[in-house]
Amino acid sequence: MIRMLIVLAIGLVLEAIGVVLISKGQKELHHAFRPELQAIWRLGAEAVTNRHLVLGVVFEAGFFGCLLYLLSRADVSFVWPLTSLSLVVTTLTARWILHEQVSGLRWVGVMVILLGAGLVTYTEKIREKERAAARAVVSERNRP
């Protein structure tokens, strides 16, 4: 469980940095979107040469790798709600790095997300205790 939480924490940091870099890169693009093929090609060329966008995608890929690891080790119903913590980390990162203004109501939402993630983690701990108790009963029955 500790290893999974460490991988989750690393993934959340990668996700937050990736989102902030992508946001910064998107704001640096000079072309307004027009649904013309030539404009789309120019925008695409500018996007793939924008260091913030490219680095953001690399960080997001790192997060995805962490997510794949977590999903291979635990139930989706446990892992996926915990990935919502990326909203918390990303909000903090956007506040500190991009200097975005975050309203009090948004901070309340962040706290609700933290509470929900805490509940999900708590249910997994209860489940682990139930499994351990069941294993103890089975091993007790198997004694000669």
Protein backbone atom coordinates (compact mmCIF):
# COMPACT_ATOMS: atom_id res chain seq x y z
CA MET A 1 0.00 0.00 0.00
CA ILE A 2 2.85 2.40 0.82
CA ARG A 3 4.50 1.77 -2.55
CA MET A 4 1.21 2.50 -4.31
CA LEU A 5 0.79 5.77 -2.41
CA ILE A 6 4.35 6.80 -3.34
CA VAL A 7 3.67 6.04 -7.02
CA LEU A 8 0.39 7.96 -6.72
CA ALA A 9 2.18 10.98 -5.22
CA ILE A 10 4.80 10.94 -7.98
CA GLY A 11 2.04 10.65 -10.58
CA LEU A 12 0.09 13.54 -9.08
CA VAL A 13 3.14 15.80 -9.17
CA LEU A 14 3.85 14.79 -12.78
CA GLU A 15 0.22 15.47 -13.69
CA ALA A 16 0.19 18.90 -12.03
CA ILE A 17 3.43 20.01 -13.66
CA GLY A 18 2.25 18.66 -17.02
CA VAL A 19 -1.07 20.51 -16.88
CA VAL A 20 0.60 23.77 -15.86
CA LEU A 21 3.17 23.47 -18.67
CA ILE A 22 0.47 22.68 -21.23
CA SER A 23 -1.57 25.66 -20.05
CA LYS A 24 1.45 27.93 -20.32
CA GLY A 25 2.30 26.55 -23.76
CA GLN A 26 -1.26 26.98 -25.05
CA LYS A 27 -1.21 30.62 -24.02
CA GLU A 28 2.03 31.12 -25.94
CA LEU A 29 0.57 29.96 -29.26
CA HIS A 30 0.15 32.92 -31.58
CA HIS A 31 -2.49 31.67 -33.96
CA ALA A 32 -6.19 31.93 -33.37
CA PHE A 33 -7.93 28.76 -34.44
CA ARG A 34 -9.53 28.90 -37.85
CA PRO A 35 -11.03 25.81 -39.45
CA GLU A 36 -8.77 26.05 -42.50
CA LEU A 37 -6.26 23.34 -43.33
CA GLN A 38 -3.32 25.71 -43.70
CA ALA A 39 -4.08 27.43 -40.37
CA ILE A 40 -4.40 24.05 -38.64
CA TRP A 41 -1.00 22.96 -40.00
CA ARG A 42 0.65 26.21 -38.85
CA LEU A 43 -0.89 25.86 -35.40
CA GLY A 44 0.21 22.22 -35.20
CA ALA A 45 3.76 23.09 -36.25
CA GLU A 46 3.91 25.83 -33.66
CA ALA A 47 2.51 23.49 -30.98
CA VAL A 48 5.04 20.69 -31.55
CA THR A 49 7.91 23.15 -31.35
CA ASN A 50 6.63 24.84 -28.19
CA ARG A 51 8.86 23.62 -25.37
CA HIS A 52 6.19 24.09 -22.69
CA LEU A 53 3.65 22.03 -24.62
CA VAL A 54 6.13 19.28 -25.43
CA LEU A 55 7.41 19.10 -21.84
CA GLY A 56 3.83 19.13 -20.58
CA VAL A 57 3.00 16.13 -22.74
CA VAL A 58 6.11 14.32 -21.47
CA PHE A 59 5.05 14.94 -17.84
CA GLU A 60 1.51 13.79 -18.64
CA ALA A 61 2.96 10.61 -20.17
CA GLY A 62 4.83 10.04 -16.89
CA PHE A 63 1.56 10.40 -15.00
CA PHE A 64 -0.06 7.92 -17.37
CA GLY A 65 2.76 5.45 -16.66
CA CYS A 66 2.11 5.79 -12.93
CA LEU A 67 -1.60 5.30 -13.55
CA LEU A 68 -0.92 2.10 -15.51
CA TYR A 69 1.19 0.77 -12.63
CA LEU A 70 -1.51 1.60 -10.08
CA LEU A 71 -4.29 0.04 -12.15
CA SER A 72 -2.25 -3.15 -12.49
CA ARG A 73 -2.00 -3.43 -8.69
CA ALA A 74 -5.38 -2.28 -7.34
CA ASP A 75 -9.07 -1.96 -8.13
CA VAL A 76 -10.19 0.83 -10.44
CA SER A 77 -12.72 1.86 -7.78
CA PHE A 78 -9.78 2.54 -5.44
CA VAL A 79 -7.26 4.07 -7.86
CA TRP A 80 -9.46 6.30 -10.00
CA PRO A 81 -11.01 8.37 -7.18
CA LEU A 82 -7.51 8.96 -5.79
CA THR A 83 -6.43 10.44 -9.11
CA SER A 84 -8.87 13.27 -8.33
CA LEU A 85 -6.18 14.46 -5.95
CA SER A 86 -4.46 15.75 -9.08
CA LEU A 87 -7.04 18.54 -9.01
CA VAL A 88 -5.74 19.55 -5.59
CA VAL A 89 -2.07 19.41 -6.60
CA THR A 90 -2.77 21.16 -9.91
CA THR A 91 -4.70 23.96 -8.19
CA LEU A 92 -1.79 24.51 -5.80
CA THR A 93 0.71 24.39 -8.67
CA ALA A 94 -1.31 26.82 -10.79
CA ARG A 95 -1.54 29.19 -7.83
CA TRP A 96 2.20 29.12 -7.12
CA ILE A 97 3.68 28.84 -10.61
CA LEU A 98 1.14 30.60 -12.84
CA HIS A 99 0.03 32.99 -10.06
CA GLU A 100 -3.62 32.24 -10.78
CA GLN A 101 -6.18 33.68 -8.42
CA VAL A 102 -8.12 30.91 -6.68
CA SER A 103 -11.36 31.94 -4.99
CA GLY A 104 -12.44 30.79 -1.55
CA LEU A 105 -15.21 28.69 -3.07
CA ARG A 106 -12.66 26.83 -5.20
CA TRP A 107 -10.58 26.13 -2.09
CA VAL A 108 -13.72 24.69 -0.47
CA GLY A 109 -14.05 22.41 -3.51
CA VAL A 110 -10.42 21.37 -3.09
CA MET A 111 -11.13 20.46 0.54
CA VAL A 112 -14.15 18.36 -0.51
CA ILE A 113 -11.92 16.48 -2.96
CA LEU A 114 -9.40 15.85 -0.18
CA LEU A 115 -12.17 14.53 2.05
CA GLY A 116 -13.44 12.19 -0.68
CA ALA A 117 -9.95 10.84 -1.37
CA GLY A 118 -9.50 10.26 2.35
CA LEU A 119 -12.71 8.23 2.47
CA VAL A 120 -11.60 6.10 -0.48
CA THR A 121 -8.25 5.40 1.21
CA TYR A 122 -10.00 4.55 4.48
CA THR A 123 -12.27 2.02 2.74
CA GLU A 124 -9.20 0.30 1.27
CA LYS A 125 -7.63 0.01 4.72
CA ILE A 126 -10.84 -1.56 6.06
CA ARG A 127 -10.83 -3.98 3.13
CA GLU A 128 -7.21 -4.98 3.86
CA LYS A 129 -8.11 -5.72 7.50
CA GLU A 130 -11.07 -7.86 6.37
CA ARG A 131 -8.81 -9.83 4.00
CA ALA A 132 -6.26 -10.41 6.76
CA ALA A 133 -9.01 -11.62 9.12
CA ALA A 134 -10.35 -13.98 6.44
CA ARG A 135 -6.85 -15.39 5.82
CA ALA A 136 -6.43 -15.96 9.56
CA VAL A 137 -9.70 -17.90 9.70
CA VAL A 138 -8.74 -20.05 6.71
CA SER A 139 -5.28 -20.82 8.12
CA GLU A 140 -6.85 -21.66 11.48
CA ARG A 141 -9.20 -24.15 9.78
CA ASN A 142 -6.32 -25.75 7.90
CA ARG A 143 -4.33 -26.53 11.07
CA PRO A 144 -4.25 -30.24 11.97
